[in-house]
Protein backbone atom coordinates (compact mmCIF):
# COMPACT_ATOMS: atom_id res chain seq x y z
CA UNK A 1 0.00 0.00 0.00
CA UNK A 2 1.59 3.24 -1.09
CA UNK A 3 0.93 6.87 -0.16
CA UNK A 4 -1.45 7.45 -3.07
CA UNK A 5 -3.74 4.66 -1.89
CA UNK A 6 -3.82 6.22 1.58
CA UNK A 7 -4.61 9.62 0.11
CA UNK A 8 -7.43 8.11 -1.93
CA UNK A 9 -8.89 6.39 1.12
CA UNK A 10 -8.64 9.59 3.15
CA UNK A 11 -10.46 11.48 0.39
CA UNK A 12 -13.24 8.90 0.25
CA UNK A 13 -13.58 8.94 4.04
CA UNK A 14 -13.74 12.76 4.10
CA UNK A 15 -16.39 12.76 1.37
CA UNK A 16 -18.51 10.22 3.25
CA UNK A 17 -18.18 12.24 6.46
CA UNK A 18 -19.16 15.46 4.66
CA UNK A 19 -22.23 13.85 3.10
CA UNK A 20 -23.18 12.42 6.50
CA UNK A 21 -22.98 15.82 8.17
CA UNK A 22 -25.04 17.40 5.39
CA UNK A 23 -27.72 14.71 5.69
CA UNK A 24 -27.77 15.16 9.47
CA UNK A 25 -28.00 18.95 9.27
CA UNK A 26 -30.80 18.98 6.71
CA UNK A 27 -32.78 16.12 8.26
CA UNK A 28 -36.43 16.94 8.89
CA UNK A 29 -36.14 15.37 12.36
CA UNK A 30 -33.67 18.09 13.38
CA UNK A 31 -35.68 21.03 12.05
CA UNK A 32 -37.55 21.84 15.25
CA UNK A 33 -34.41 21.79 17.37
CA UNK A 34 -32.51 23.97 14.92
CA UNK A 35 -35.43 26.40 14.67
CA UNK A 36 -35.50 26.75 18.46
CA UNK A 37 -31.74 27.28 18.58
CA UNK A 38 -31.95 29.89 15.81
CA UNK A 39 -34.49 31.90 17.81
CA UNK A 40 -32.56 31.85 21.10
CA UNK A 41 -30.91 35.26 20.56
CA UNK A 42 -34.38 36.80 20.27
CA UNK A 43 -35.77 35.24 23.46
CA UNK A 44 -36.64 37.62 26.29
CA UNK A 45 -34.41 37.53 29.33
CA UNK A 46 -36.63 36.86 32.33
CA UNK A 47 -33.89 37.21 34.95
CA UNK A 48 -34.11 40.93 35.69
CA UNK A 49 -32.36 41.50 39.03
CA UNK A 50 -32.74 45.27 39.27
C-alpha atoms as a PDB file:
ATOM      1  CA  UNK A   1       0.000   0.000   0.000  1.00  0.00           C
ATOM      2  CA  UNK A   2       1.588   3.241  -1.092  1.00  0.00           C
ATOM      3  CA  UNK A   3       0.927   6.870  -0.157  1.00  0.00           C
ATOM      4  CA  UNK A   4      -1.451   7.448  -3.069  1.00  0.00           C
ATOM      5  CA  UNK A   5      -3.735   4.660  -1.888  1.00  0.00           C
ATOM      6  CA  UNK A   6      -3.817   6.217   1.584  1.00  0.00           C
ATOM      7  CA  UNK A   7      -4.607   9.620   0.112  1.00  0.00           C
ATOM      8  CA  UNK A   8      -7.430   8.114  -1.928  1.00  0.00           C
ATOM      9  CA  UNK A   9      -8.893   6.388   1.119  1.00  0.00           C
ATOM     10  CA  UNK A  10      -8.640   9.591   3.146  1.00  0.00           C
ATOM     11  CA  UNK A  11     -10.461  11.483   0.391  1.00  0.00           C
ATOM     12  CA  UNK A  12     -13.242   8.901   0.249  1.00  0.00           C
ATOM     13  CA  UNK A  13     -13.585   8.940   4.043  1.00  0.00           C
ATOM     14  CA  UNK A  14     -13.745  12.756   4.098  1.00  0.00           C
ATOM     15  CA  UNK A  15     -16.393  12.763   1.365  1.00  0.00           C
ATOM     16  CA  UNK A  16     -18.514  10.219   3.251  1.00  0.00           C
ATOM     17  CA  UNK A  17     -18.184  12.242   6.463  1.00  0.00           C
ATOM     18  CA  UNK A  18     -19.164  15.460   4.657  1.00  0.00           C
ATOM     19  CA  UNK A  19     -22.228  13.847   3.103  1.00  0.00           C
ATOM     20  CA  UNK A  20     -23.176  12.416   6.498  1.00  0.00           C
ATOM     21  CA  UNK A  21     -22.976  15.823   8.174  1.00  0.00           C
ATOM     22  CA  UNK A  22     -25.043  17.397   5.393  1.00  0.00           C
ATOM     23  CA  UNK A  23     -27.717  14.710   5.692  1.00  0.00           C
ATOM     24  CA  UNK A  24     -27.770  15.156   9.475  1.00  0.00           C
ATOM     25  CA  UNK A  25     -28.005  18.948   9.268  1.00  0.00           C
ATOM     26  CA  UNK A  26     -30.802  18.980   6.705  1.00  0.00           C
ATOM     27  CA  UNK A  27     -32.777  16.120   8.263  1.00  0.00           C
ATOM     28  CA  UNK A  28     -36.426  16.940   8.891  1.00  0.00           C
ATOM     29  CA  UNK A  29     -36.140  15.365  12.364  1.00  0.00           C
ATOM     30  CA  UNK A  30     -33.669  18.086  13.382  1.00  0.00           C
ATOM     31  CA  UNK A  31     -35.682  21.030  12.049  1.00  0.00           C
ATOM     32  CA  UNK A  32     -37.555  21.844  15.255  1.00  0.00           C
ATOM     33  CA  UNK A  33     -34.410  21.794  17.368  1.00  0.00           C
ATOM     34  CA  UNK A  34     -32.510  23.974  14.922  1.00  0.00           C
ATOM     35  CA  UNK A  35     -35.433  26.403  14.669  1.00  0.00           C
ATOM     36  CA  UNK A  36     -35.503  26.755  18.459  1.00  0.00           C
ATOM     37  CA  UNK A  37     -31.736  27.278  18.576  1.00  0.00           C
ATOM     38  CA  UNK A  38     -31.953  29.885  15.813  1.00  0.00           C
ATOM     39  CA  UNK A  39     -34.487  31.897  17.809  1.00  0.00           C
ATOM     40  CA  UNK A  40     -32.559  31.847  21.099  1.00  0.00           C
ATOM     41  CA  UNK A  41     -30.914  35.262  20.562  1.00  0.00           C
ATOM     42  CA  UNK A  42     -34.381  36.799  20.274  1.00  0.00           C
ATOM     43  CA  UNK A  43     -35.769  35.238  23.457  1.00  0.00           C
ATOM     44  CA  UNK A  44     -36.636  37.621  26.290  1.00  0.00           C
ATOM     45  CA  UNK A  45     -34.408  37.526  29.329  1.00  0.00           C
ATOM     46  CA  UNK A  46     -36.633  36.855  32.332  1.00  0.00           C
ATOM     47  CA  UNK A  47     -33.887  37.211  34.953  1.00  0.00           C
ATOM     48  CA  UNK A  48     -34.115  40.926  35.689  1.00  0.00           C
ATOM     49  CA  UNK A  49     -32.357  41.496  39.028  1.00  0.00           C
ATOM     50  CA  UNK A  50     -32.744  45.269  39.267  1.00  0.00           C
END
